[in-house]
C-alpha atoms as a PDB file:
ATOM      1  CA  UNK A   1       0.012   0.086  -0.093  1.00  0.00           C
ATOM      2  CA  UNK A   2       1.278   3.616  -0.794  1.00  0.00           C
ATOM      3  CA  UNK A   3       0.314   6.671   0.947  1.00  0.00           C
ATOM      4  CA  UNK A   4       0.432  10.552  -0.134  1.00  0.00           C
ATOM      5  CA  UNK A   5       1.472  12.740   2.546  1.00  0.00           C
ATOM      6  CA  UNK A   6       1.775  16.446   2.925  1.00  0.00           C
ATOM      7  CA  UNK A   7       2.296  18.712   5.997  1.00  0.00           C
ATOM      8  CA  UNK A   8       1.559  22.316   5.474  1.00  0.00           C
ATOM      9  CA  UNK A   9       1.634  25.286   8.215  1.00  0.00           C
ATOM     10  CA  UNK A  10      -1.349  27.537   8.260  1.00  0.00           C
ATOM     11  CA  UNK A  11      -1.713  30.809  10.345  1.00  0.00           C
ATOM     12  CA  UNK A  12      -5.537  30.330  11.289  1.00  0.00           C
ATOM     13  CA  UNK A  13      -7.270  28.958  14.025  1.00  0.00           C
ATOM     14  CA  UNK A  14      -8.057  25.158  14.431  1.00  0.00           C
ATOM     15  CA  UNK A  15     -11.992  26.118  14.047  1.00  0.00           C
ATOM     16  CA  UNK A  16     -11.215  27.963  10.837  1.00  0.00           C
ATOM     17  CA  UNK A  17      -9.172  24.946   9.471  1.00  0.00           C
ATOM     18  CA  UNK A  18     -11.943  22.740  10.890  1.00  0.00           C
ATOM     19  CA  UNK A  19     -14.714  24.748   8.911  1.00  0.00           C
ATOM     20  CA  UNK A  20     -12.822  24.734   5.790  1.00  0.00           C
ATOM     21  CA  UNK A  21     -12.467  20.946   5.915  1.00  0.00           C
ATOM     22  CA  UNK A  22     -15.944  20.073   7.279  1.00  0.00           C
ATOM     23  CA  UNK A  23     -18.452  22.577   5.374  1.00  0.00           C
ATOM     24  CA  UNK A  24     -19.325  23.028   1.618  1.00  0.00           C
ATOM     25  CA  UNK A  25     -18.373  26.552   1.762  1.00  0.00           C
ATOM     26  CA  UNK A  26     -14.883  25.763   2.984  1.00  0.00           C
ATOM     27  CA  UNK A  27     -14.346  22.845   0.819  1.00  0.00           C
ATOM     28  CA  UNK A  28     -15.617  24.966  -2.218  1.00  0.00           C
ATOM     29  CA  UNK A  29     -13.142  27.625  -1.516  1.00  0.00           C
ATOM     30  CA  UNK A  30     -10.008  25.599  -1.663  1.00  0.00           C
ATOM     31  CA  UNK A  31     -10.649  22.044  -3.425  1.00  0.00           C
ATOM     32  CA  UNK A  32     -13.391  22.372  -6.235  1.00  0.00           C
ATOM     33  CA  UNK A  33     -16.119  25.089  -6.560  1.00  0.00           C
ATOM     34  CA  UNK A  34     -18.927  22.550  -6.733  1.00  0.00           C
ATOM     35  CA  UNK A  35     -18.987  20.637  -3.420  1.00  0.00           C
ATOM     36  CA  UNK A  36     -22.150  19.369  -1.510  1.00  0.00           C
ATOM     37  CA  UNK A  37     -22.880  17.014   1.514  1.00  0.00           C
ATOM     38  CA  UNK A  38     -20.315  18.065   3.649  1.00  0.00           C
ATOM     39  CA  UNK A  39     -21.493  17.856   7.475  1.00  0.00           C
ATOM     40  CA  UNK A  40     -21.694  14.967   9.636  1.00  0.00           C
ATOM     41  CA  UNK A  41     -20.169  11.529  10.120  1.00  0.00           C
ATOM     42  CA  UNK A  42     -21.691   8.994   7.632  1.00  0.00           C
ATOM     43  CA  UNK A  43     -22.636  11.927   5.437  1.00  0.00           C
ATOM     44  CA  UNK A  44     -21.203  11.490   1.587  1.00  0.00           C
ATOM     45  CA  UNK A  45     -19.597  14.690   0.248  1.00  0.00           C
ATOM     46  CA  UNK A  46     -19.782  14.738  -3.623  1.00  0.00           C
ATOM     47  CA  UNK A  47     -16.845  16.991  -5.372  1.00  0.00           C
ATOM     48  CA  UNK A  48     -17.533  17.743  -8.730  1.00  0.00           C
ATOM     49  CA  UNK A  49     -14.558  18.119 -11.568  1.00  0.00           C
ATOM     50  CA  UNK A  50     -15.957  18.792 -14.876  1.00  0.00           C
ATOM     51  CA  UNK A  51     -18.436  16.169 -15.331  1.00  0.00           C
ATOM     52  CA  UNK A  52     -16.893  13.615 -13.020  1.00  0.00           C
ATOM     53  CA  UNK A  53     -18.097  13.535  -9.454  1.00  0.00           C
ATOM     54  CA  UNK A  54     -15.811  12.092  -6.598  1.00  0.00           C
ATOM     55  CA  UNK A  55     -17.678  10.744  -3.474  1.00  0.00           C
ATOM     56  CA  UNK A  56     -16.249  10.500   0.084  1.00  0.00           C
ATOM     57  CA  UNK A  57     -18.139   9.119   3.279  1.00  0.00           C
ATOM     58  CA  UNK A  58     -17.078  11.058   6.333  1.00  0.00           C
ATOM     59  CA  UNK A  59     -15.855   8.741   8.635  1.00  0.00           C
ATOM     60  CA  UNK A  60     -14.402  10.192  11.748  1.00  0.00           C
ATOM     61  CA  UNK A  61     -14.747  14.099  12.838  1.00  0.00           C
ATOM     62  CA  UNK A  62     -12.901  15.328  15.959  1.00  0.00           C
ATOM     63  CA  UNK A  63     -13.693  18.869  16.371  1.00  0.00           C
ATOM     64  CA  UNK A  64     -10.709  21.361  15.455  1.00  0.00           C
ATOM     65  CA  UNK A  65      -8.477  18.041  15.723  1.00  0.00           C
ATOM     66  CA  UNK A  66      -8.914  15.568  12.808  1.00  0.00           C
ATOM     67  CA  UNK A  67     -11.083  14.813   9.819  1.00  0.00           C
ATOM     68  CA  UNK A  68     -11.275  11.448   7.950  1.00  0.00           C
ATOM     69  CA  UNK A  69     -12.914  10.508   4.808  1.00  0.00           C
ATOM     70  CA  UNK A  70     -13.544   7.197   2.893  1.00  0.00           C
ATOM     71  CA  UNK A  71     -13.747   7.080  -0.855  1.00  0.00           C
ATOM     72  CA  UNK A  72     -16.957   5.952  -1.947  1.00  0.00           C
ATOM     73  CA  UNK A  73     -18.397   5.050  -4.997  1.00  0.00           C
ATOM     74  CA  UNK A  74     -16.132   3.876  -8.150  1.00  0.00           C
ATOM     75  CA  UNK A  75     -14.546   7.292  -9.460  1.00  0.00           C
ATOM     76  CA  UNK A  76     -11.611   7.321 -10.259  1.00  0.00           C
ATOM     77  CA  UNK A  77     -11.045   3.525  -9.731  1.00  0.00           C
ATOM     78  CA  UNK A  78      -7.446   4.072  -8.242  1.00  0.00           C
ATOM     79  CA  UNK A  79      -9.311   5.686  -5.020  1.00  0.00           C
ATOM     80  CA  UNK A  80     -11.419   2.859  -4.465  1.00  0.00           C
ATOM     81  CA  UNK A  81     -10.680   1.926  -0.579  1.00  0.00           C
ATOM     82  CA  UNK A  82      -8.605   4.828  -0.081  1.00  0.00           C
ATOM     83  CA  UNK A  83      -8.877   7.158   3.119  1.00  0.00           C
ATOM     84  CA  UNK A  84      -8.082  10.811   3.223  1.00  0.00           C
ATOM     85  CA  UNK A  85      -7.209  12.426   6.629  1.00  0.00           C
ATOM     86  CA  UNK A  86      -6.176  15.648   8.045  1.00  0.00           C
ATOM     87  CA  UNK A  87      -4.805  16.073  11.214  1.00  0.00           C
ATOM     88  CA  UNK A  88      -4.119  19.100  13.116  1.00  0.00           C
ATOM     89  CA  UNK A  89      -0.620  19.814  15.187  1.00  0.00           C
ATOM     90  CA  UNK A  90      -1.080  22.738  17.061  1.00  0.00           C
ATOM     91  CA  UNK A  91       2.623  25.091  17.688  1.00  0.00           C
ATOM     92  CA  UNK A  92       2.876  28.522  19.136  1.00  0.00           C
ATOM     93  CA  UNK A  93       3.332  30.142  15.518  1.00  0.00           C
ATOM     94  CA  UNK A  94       1.003  28.134  13.320  1.00  0.00           C
ATOM     95  CA  UNK A  95      -1.188  24.971  13.152  1.00  0.00           C
ATOM     96  CA  UNK A  96       0.651  22.023  10.965  1.00  0.00           C
ATOM     97  CA  UNK A  97      -2.013  20.127   8.967  1.00  0.00           C
ATOM     98  CA  UNK A  98      -0.942  16.584   8.277  1.00  0.00           C
ATOM     99  CA  UNK A  99      -2.747  15.573   5.136  1.00  0.00           C
ATOM    100  CA  UNK A 100      -2.739  11.780   4.038  1.00  0.00           C
ATOM    101  CA  UNK A 101      -4.246  10.216   1.131  1.00  0.00           C
ATOM    102  CA  UNK A 102      -3.808   6.354   2.308  1.00  0.00           C
ATOM    103  CA  UNK A 103      -4.184   2.447   1.116  1.00  0.00           C
ATOM    104  CA  UNK A 104      -3.196   3.146  -2.630  1.00  0.00           C
ATOM    105  CA  UNK A 105      -2.836  -0.136  -4.119  1.00  0.00           C
ATOM    106  CA  UNK A 106       0.263   0.852  -6.146  1.00  0.00           C
ATOM    107  CA  UNK A 107       2.553   3.793  -7.104  1.00  0.00           C
ATOM    108  CA  UNK A 108       1.383   4.608 -10.629  1.00  0.00           C
ATOM    109  CA  UNK A 109       1.460   7.564 -12.703  1.00  0.00           C
ATOM    110  CA  UNK A 110      -1.918   8.833 -11.552  1.00  0.00           C
ATOM    111  CA  UNK A 111      -0.601   8.351  -8.043  1.00  0.00           C
ATOM    112  CA  UNK A 112       2.226  11.009  -8.897  1.00  0.00           C
ATOM    113  CA  UNK A 113      -0.122  13.045 -10.793  1.00  0.00           C
ATOM    114  CA  UNK A 114      -2.384  13.159  -7.417  1.00  0.00           C
ATOM    115  CA  UNK A 115       0.595  13.487  -5.185  1.00  0.00           C
ATOM    116  CA  UNK A 116       1.590  16.709  -6.609  1.00  0.00           C
ATOM    117  CA  UNK A 117      -2.094  18.098  -7.082  1.00  0.00           C
ATOM    118  CA  UNK A 118      -2.583  17.587  -3.462  1.00  0.00           C
ATOM    119  CA  UNK A 119       0.408  19.641  -2.769  1.00  0.00           C
ATOM    120  CA  UNK A 120      -1.355  22.176  -5.090  1.00  0.00           C
ATOM    121  CA  UNK A 121      -4.504  21.992  -3.266  1.00  0.00           C
ATOM    122  CA  UNK A 122      -2.870  22.207   0.418  1.00  0.00           C
ATOM    123  CA  UNK A 123      -1.609  25.455  -0.657  1.00  0.00           C
ATOM    124  CA  UNK A 124      -4.980  26.326  -2.192  1.00  0.00           C
ATOM    125  CA  UNK A 125      -6.141  25.710   1.572  1.00  0.00           C
ATOM    126  CA  UNK A 126      -3.334  27.561   3.368  1.00  0.00           C
ATOM    127  CA  UNK A 127      -4.038  30.475   0.765  1.00  0.00           C
ATOM    128  CA  UNK A 128      -7.851  30.388   1.505  1.00  0.00           C
ATOM    129  CA  UNK A 129      -7.263  30.386   5.459  1.00  0.00           C
ATOM    130  CA  UNK A 130      -4.581  32.916   5.524  1.00  0.00           C
ATOM    131  CA  UNK A 131      -5.619  35.486   2.720  1.00  0.00           C
ATOM    132  CA  UNK A 132      -9.296  34.764   2.252  1.00  0.00           C
ATOM    133  CA  UNK A 133      -8.675  33.222  -1.480  1.00  0.00           C
ATOM    134  CA  UNK A 134      -7.887  29.786  -2.572  1.00  0.00           C
ATOM    135  CA  UNK A 135      -7.518  28.388  -5.791  1.00  0.00           C
ATOM    136  CA  UNK A 136      -9.980  25.627  -5.916  1.00  0.00           C
ATOM    137  CA  UNK A 137     -10.668  23.664  -9.242  1.00  0.00           C
ATOM    138  CA  UNK A 138     -10.903  24.719 -11.974  1.00  0.00           C
ATOM    139  CA  UNK A 139      -8.892  27.912 -11.184  1.00  0.00           C
ATOM    140  CA  UNK A 140      -6.003  25.696  -9.500  1.00  0.00           C
ATOM    141  CA  UNK A 141      -2.367  25.343 -10.282  1.00  0.00           C
ATOM    142  CA  UNK A 142      -2.054  23.269 -13.825  1.00  0.00           C
ATOM    143  CA  UNK A 143       0.609  20.812 -13.631  1.00  0.00           C
ATOM    144  CA  UNK A 144       0.446  19.485 -16.915  1.00  0.00           C
ATOM    145  CA  UNK A 145      -1.061  20.706 -20.671  1.00  0.00           C
ATOM    146  CA  UNK A 146      -3.475  17.995 -20.960  1.00  0.00           C
END
């Protein structure tokens, strides 16, 4: 199994970071403009990327500390049985957000693509929380010319 892992320091409150990860409005401001269904444990979040909808079931929520989603559905197939988690580490200067996308079956070209895109979106989360303006899909940083 393979895991994507990123850590980013954000100058924002744990409450604001938690809201950005657990509400439709927050998620729409840093990952993809079209997000719906965020909320409670067991809810299913729909993330729309053009004509593709990627779904996650909320697996665990520990307020202002941790968020865990489990992939739901069949799109993209490489994400089946994967989990995404966001853990908070509070320091005097910032909150470090530890983001993991775990349980990949193998490190493929798509894994490499997603690894870099997660870095892009974690920086979008940081920008959203620190400046009020993230770069969610489709306005995110493009990493190829396809």
